[in-house]
Amino acid sequence: MTQVQVGEIVVGDIISVKYGDLLPADGLVMQSNDLKVDESSLTGESDQVNKGVASDPMVLSGTHVMEGSGKVLVTAVGVNSQAGIIFTLLGAAAEEVEDME
């Protein structure tokens, strides 16, 4: 297994994730070993979410792996990821507020 910098991850890569990781990209779970993710940074829900191939296979950048491990097929990175879209929208909203002042 080779370690790479977060900025080098591209769509189509397969990444390994484990307890304690901050997910660097959006992706689909290809393999899950009791994988549980904290999505509160995006959803506000504090409950951990079970992720697996058959049930709720989508993982989102900016969320934390709280238990287990798995392999994820990267589907979006950077500004195209869910976290990137949210940050882009927040930046646009902040610019609108500044323009109104």
N, C-alpha and C. Protein backbone atom coordinates (compact mmCIF):
# COMPACT_ATOMS: atom_id res chain seq x y z
N MET A 1 0.85 -1.16 0.00
CA MET A 1 0.00 0.00 0.00
C MET A 1 0.90 1.24 0.00
N THR A 2 0.59 2.21 -0.86
CA THR A 2 1.36 3.43 -0.98
C THR A 2 0.59 4.59 -0.37
N GLN A 3 1.30 5.42 0.40
CA GLN A 3 0.67 6.61 0.96
C GLN A 3 0.90 7.77 0.01
N VAL A 4 -0.15 8.57 -0.19
CA VAL A 4 -0.06 9.75 -1.06
C VAL A 4 -0.60 10.96 -0.32
N GLN A 5 -0.24 12.14 -0.79
CA GLN A 5 -0.76 13.38 -0.23
C GLN A 5 -2.22 13.54 -0.63
N VAL A 6 -3.01 14.19 0.19
CA VAL A 6 -4.43 14.40 -0.08
C VAL A 6 -4.63 15.08 -1.43
N GLY A 7 -3.80 16.04 -1.77
CA GLY A 7 -3.92 16.76 -3.03
C GLY A 7 -3.66 15.92 -4.26
N GLU A 8 -3.09 14.73 -4.08
CA GLU A 8 -2.79 13.84 -5.20
C GLU A 8 -3.91 12.85 -5.49
N ILE A 9 -4.93 12.82 -4.64
CA ILE A 9 -6.05 11.90 -4.83
C ILE A 9 -6.93 12.41 -5.97
N VAL A 10 -7.28 11.50 -6.88
CA VAL A 10 -8.13 11.87 -8.02
C VAL A 10 -9.31 10.90 -8.11
N VAL A 11 -10.34 11.31 -8.85
CA VAL A 11 -11.51 10.46 -9.07
C VAL A 11 -11.05 9.14 -9.70
N GLY A 12 -11.57 8.04 -9.17
CA GLY A 12 -11.20 6.73 -9.66
C GLY A 12 -10.19 6.02 -8.78
N ASP A 13 -9.51 6.75 -7.90
CA ASP A 13 -8.58 6.13 -6.96
C ASP A 13 -9.35 5.28 -5.96
N ILE A 14 -8.68 4.27 -5.43
CA ILE A 14 -9.24 3.48 -4.33
C ILE A 14 -8.39 3.80 -3.11
N ILE A 15 -9.05 4.28 -2.05
CA ILE A 15 -8.32 4.65 -0.83
C ILE A 15 -8.75 3.75 0.32
N SER A 16 -7.82 3.50 1.22
CA SER A 16 -8.11 2.76 2.45
C SER A 16 -8.41 3.77 3.54
N VAL A 17 -9.45 3.52 4.31
CA VAL A 17 -9.80 4.38 5.43
C VAL A 17 -9.90 3.54 6.69
N LYS A 18 -9.58 4.18 7.83
CA LYS A 18 -9.61 3.47 9.10
C LYS A 18 -9.99 4.43 10.22
N TYR A 19 -10.22 3.86 11.40
CA TYR A 19 -10.58 4.62 12.59
C TYR A 19 -9.68 5.84 12.73
N GLY A 20 -10.29 7.01 12.94
CA GLY A 20 -9.55 8.23 13.17
C GLY A 20 -9.31 9.07 11.94
N ASP A 21 -9.54 8.52 10.75
CA ASP A 21 -9.27 9.26 9.52
C ASP A 21 -10.32 10.33 9.26
N LEU A 22 -9.88 11.46 8.71
CA LEU A 22 -10.77 12.48 8.16
C LEU A 22 -10.84 12.15 6.67
N LEU A 23 -12.04 11.91 6.17
CA LEU A 23 -12.17 11.49 4.78
C LEU A 23 -11.80 12.64 3.84
N PRO A 24 -10.86 12.39 2.90
CA PRO A 24 -10.35 13.45 2.04
C PRO A 24 -11.17 13.68 0.77
N ALA A 25 -12.13 12.79 0.50
CA ALA A 25 -12.89 12.86 -0.76
C ALA A 25 -14.22 12.16 -0.59
N ASP A 26 -15.16 12.44 -1.49
CA ASP A 26 -16.42 11.69 -1.55
C ASP A 26 -16.13 10.35 -2.22
N GLY A 27 -16.91 9.33 -1.86
CA GLY A 27 -16.69 8.05 -2.52
C GLY A 27 -17.73 7.01 -2.18
N LEU A 28 -17.59 5.87 -2.84
CA LEU A 28 -18.46 4.72 -2.63
C LEU A 28 -17.69 3.63 -1.90
N VAL A 29 -18.29 3.08 -0.86
CA VAL A 29 -17.65 2.01 -0.10
C VAL A 29 -17.60 0.75 -0.94
N MET A 30 -16.41 0.21 -1.11
CA MET A 30 -16.22 -1.04 -1.86
C MET A 30 -16.04 -2.22 -0.91
N GLN A 31 -15.53 -1.93 0.28
CA GLN A 31 -15.31 -2.95 1.29
C GLN A 31 -15.46 -2.29 2.65
N SER A 32 -16.14 -2.96 3.56
CA SER A 32 -16.38 -2.39 4.88
C SER A 32 -16.15 -3.43 5.97
N ASN A 33 -15.37 -3.04 6.97
CA ASN A 33 -15.17 -3.86 8.16
C ASN A 33 -15.72 -3.07 9.34
N ASP A 34 -17.05 -3.16 9.53
CA ASP A 34 -17.75 -2.44 10.60
C ASP A 34 -17.45 -0.94 10.55
N LEU A 35 -17.53 -0.37 9.35
CA LEU A 35 -17.21 1.03 9.12
C LEU A 35 -18.34 1.92 9.63
N LYS A 36 -18.00 2.85 10.54
CA LYS A 36 -18.96 3.82 11.07
C LYS A 36 -18.36 5.21 10.92
N VAL A 37 -19.18 6.15 10.42
CA VAL A 37 -18.70 7.49 10.10
C VAL A 37 -19.53 8.53 10.86
N ASP A 38 -18.85 9.56 11.35
CA ASP A 38 -19.50 10.71 11.98
C ASP A 38 -19.69 11.76 10.90
N GLU A 39 -20.94 11.99 10.49
CA GLU A 39 -21.26 12.94 9.42
C GLU A 39 -21.75 14.28 9.98
N SER A 40 -21.57 14.51 11.28
CA SER A 40 -22.13 15.71 11.90
C SER A 40 -21.57 17.00 11.32
N SER A 41 -20.36 16.97 10.79
CA SER A 41 -19.79 18.20 10.20
C SER A 41 -20.58 18.66 8.98
N LEU A 42 -21.29 17.75 8.32
CA LEU A 42 -22.09 18.10 7.14
C LEU A 42 -23.59 18.10 7.42
N THR A 43 -24.04 17.19 8.28
CA THR A 43 -25.48 17.03 8.47
C THR A 43 -26.00 17.60 9.78
N GLY A 44 -25.12 17.75 10.77
CA GLY A 44 -25.55 18.19 12.09
C GLY A 44 -26.03 17.05 12.97
N GLU A 45 -26.21 15.87 12.39
CA GLU A 45 -26.64 14.69 13.16
C GLU A 45 -25.45 14.10 13.90
N SER A 46 -25.60 13.86 15.20
CA SER A 46 -24.48 13.38 16.00
C SER A 46 -24.32 11.86 15.99
N ASP A 47 -25.32 11.13 15.49
CA ASP A 47 -25.24 9.67 15.47
C ASP A 47 -24.24 9.20 14.43
N GLN A 48 -23.50 8.14 14.78
CA GLN A 48 -22.59 7.53 13.82
C GLN A 48 -23.40 6.75 12.80
N VAL A 49 -22.95 6.75 11.55
CA VAL A 49 -23.68 6.11 10.47
C VAL A 49 -22.91 4.89 10.00
N ASN A 50 -23.59 3.72 9.99
CA ASN A 50 -22.97 2.50 9.47
C ASN A 50 -22.86 2.62 7.96
N LYS A 51 -21.69 2.30 7.43
CA LYS A 51 -21.45 2.36 5.99
C LYS A 51 -21.06 0.97 5.50
N GLY A 52 -21.65 0.57 4.39
CA GLY A 52 -21.33 -0.73 3.82
C GLY A 52 -21.67 -0.77 2.35
N VAL A 53 -21.26 -1.82 1.70
CA VAL A 53 -21.50 -1.97 0.27
C VAL A 53 -23.00 -2.03 -0.02
N ALA A 54 -23.74 -2.75 0.83
CA ALA A 54 -25.17 -2.96 0.59
C ALA A 54 -26.06 -1.89 1.23
N SER A 55 -25.54 -1.21 2.25
CA SER A 55 -26.37 -0.22 2.94
C SER A 55 -25.61 1.08 3.13
N ASP A 56 -26.15 2.17 2.60
CA ASP A 56 -25.58 3.51 2.73
C ASP A 56 -24.10 3.54 2.34
N PRO A 57 -23.79 3.25 1.07
CA PRO A 57 -22.40 3.13 0.65
C PRO A 57 -21.68 4.45 0.38
N MET A 58 -22.38 5.58 0.44
CA MET A 58 -21.75 6.86 0.10
C MET A 58 -21.06 7.47 1.32
N VAL A 59 -19.78 7.83 1.18
CA VAL A 59 -19.07 8.56 2.23
C VAL A 59 -18.71 9.93 1.68
N LEU A 60 -18.64 10.92 2.56
CA LEU A 60 -18.45 12.31 2.15
C LEU A 60 -17.19 12.91 2.75
N SER A 61 -16.51 13.73 1.97
CA SER A 61 -15.30 14.38 2.44
C SER A 61 -15.62 15.27 3.64
N GLY A 62 -14.66 15.38 4.53
CA GLY A 62 -14.85 16.22 5.71
C GLY A 62 -15.50 15.50 6.88
N THR A 63 -15.87 14.23 6.68
CA THR A 63 -16.45 13.45 7.78
C THR A 63 -15.37 12.55 8.38
N HIS A 64 -15.61 12.05 9.58
CA HIS A 64 -14.61 11.27 10.30
C HIS A 64 -15.01 9.80 10.43
N VAL A 65 -14.03 8.92 10.25
CA VAL A 65 -14.24 7.50 10.50
C VAL A 65 -14.12 7.28 12.01
N MET A 66 -15.19 6.77 12.61
CA MET A 66 -15.22 6.59 14.06
C MET A 66 -14.94 5.15 14.49
N GLU A 67 -15.24 4.20 13.61
CA GLU A 67 -14.99 2.79 13.90
C GLU A 67 -14.70 2.06 12.61
N GLY A 68 -13.95 0.97 12.73
CA GLY A 68 -13.75 0.08 11.61
C GLY A 68 -12.79 0.60 10.55
N SER A 69 -12.89 -0.03 9.38
CA SER A 69 -12.03 0.32 8.26
C SER A 69 -12.73 -0.08 6.97
N GLY A 70 -12.15 0.33 5.86
CA GLY A 70 -12.73 -0.05 4.58
C GLY A 70 -11.94 0.48 3.40
N LYS A 71 -12.43 0.18 2.22
CA LYS A 71 -11.86 0.69 0.98
C LYS A 71 -12.95 1.48 0.26
N VAL A 72 -12.56 2.62 -0.30
CA VAL A 72 -13.51 3.56 -0.90
C VAL A 72 -13.04 3.92 -2.30
N LEU A 73 -13.97 3.88 -3.27
CA LEU A 73 -13.72 4.35 -4.62
C LEU A 73 -14.05 5.84 -4.67
N VAL A 74 -13.06 6.67 -4.98
CA VAL A 74 -13.23 8.12 -4.97
C VAL A 74 -14.12 8.56 -6.13
N THR A 75 -15.17 9.34 -5.82
CA THR A 75 -16.10 9.82 -6.84
C THR A 75 -16.05 11.34 -7.02
N ALA A 76 -15.51 12.08 -6.04
CA ALA A 76 -15.41 13.54 -6.16
C ALA A 76 -14.33 14.05 -5.21
N VAL A 77 -13.60 15.06 -5.66
CA VAL A 77 -12.54 15.65 -4.83
C VAL A 77 -12.63 17.17 -4.90
N GLY A 78 -12.00 17.83 -3.95
CA GLY A 78 -11.89 19.29 -3.97
C GLY A 78 -13.23 20.00 -4.02
N VAL A 79 -13.33 21.01 -4.89
CA VAL A 79 -14.54 21.81 -4.96
C VAL A 79 -15.73 21.03 -5.51
N ASN A 80 -15.50 19.87 -6.10
CA ASN A 80 -16.59 19.05 -6.61
C ASN A 80 -17.16 18.08 -5.57
N SER A 81 -16.49 17.97 -4.42
CA SER A 81 -17.00 17.12 -3.34
C SER A 81 -18.12 17.84 -2.60
N GLN A 82 -18.87 17.14 -1.78
CA GLN A 82 -19.96 17.77 -1.04
C GLN A 82 -19.44 18.87 -0.12
N ALA A 83 -18.33 18.62 0.57
CA ALA A 83 -17.76 19.66 1.43
C ALA A 83 -17.30 20.85 0.60
N GLY A 84 -16.70 20.58 -0.55
CA GLY A 84 -16.25 21.66 -1.43
C GLY A 84 -17.39 22.51 -1.94
N ILE A 85 -18.50 21.87 -2.28
CA ILE A 85 -19.69 22.60 -2.75
C ILE A 85 -20.23 23.49 -1.64
N ILE A 86 -20.29 22.95 -0.43
CA ILE A 86 -20.79 23.74 0.71
C ILE A 86 -19.89 24.94 0.97
N PHE A 87 -18.57 24.73 0.97
CA PHE A 87 -17.65 25.84 1.23
C PHE A 87 -17.73 26.88 0.12
N THR A 88 -17.92 26.45 -1.11
CA THR A 88 -18.06 27.39 -2.23
C THR A 88 -19.32 28.23 -2.06
N LEU A 89 -20.43 27.57 -1.69
CA LEU A 89 -21.68 28.30 -1.47
C LEU A 89 -21.57 29.27 -0.30
N LEU A 90 -20.89 28.84 0.77
CA LEU A 90 -20.71 29.74 1.92
C LEU A 90 -19.87 30.95 1.53
N GLY A 91 -18.85 30.74 0.71
CA GLY A 91 -18.02 31.86 0.24
C GLY A 91 -18.81 32.82 -0.61
N ALA A 92 -19.67 32.29 -1.47
CA ALA A 92 -20.51 33.13 -2.33
C ALA A 92 -21.50 33.93 -1.49
N ALA A 93 -22.06 33.29 -0.47
CA ALA A 93 -23.00 33.98 0.42
C ALA A 93 -22.31 35.08 1.19
N ALA A 94 -21.09 34.83 1.64
CA ALA A 94 -20.33 35.85 2.38
C ALA A 94 -20.03 37.04 1.48
N GLU A 95 -19.71 36.78 0.20
CA GLU A 95 -19.44 37.87 -0.74
C GLU A 95 -20.70 38.71 -0.97
N GLU A 96 -21.87 38.06 -1.05
CA GLU A 96 -23.12 38.79 -1.23
C GLU A 96 -23.39 39.70 -0.04
N VAL A 97 -23.13 39.22 1.16
CA VAL A 97 -23.35 40.02 2.36
C VAL A 97 -22.42 41.24 2.34
N GLU A 98 -21.16 41.03 1.95
CA GLU A 98 -20.21 42.15 1.88
C GLU A 98 -20.66 43.18 0.84
N ASP A 99 -21.18 42.68 -0.30
CA ASP A 99 -21.63 43.59 -1.35
C ASP A 99 -22.83 44.41 -0.89
N MET A 100 -23.65 43.86 0.00
CA MET A 100 -24.85 44.55 0.46
C MET A 100 -24.51 45.64 1.48
N GLU A 101 -23.36 45.53 2.11
CA GLU A 101 -23.00 46.51 3.15
C GLU A 101 -22.48 47.78 2.62
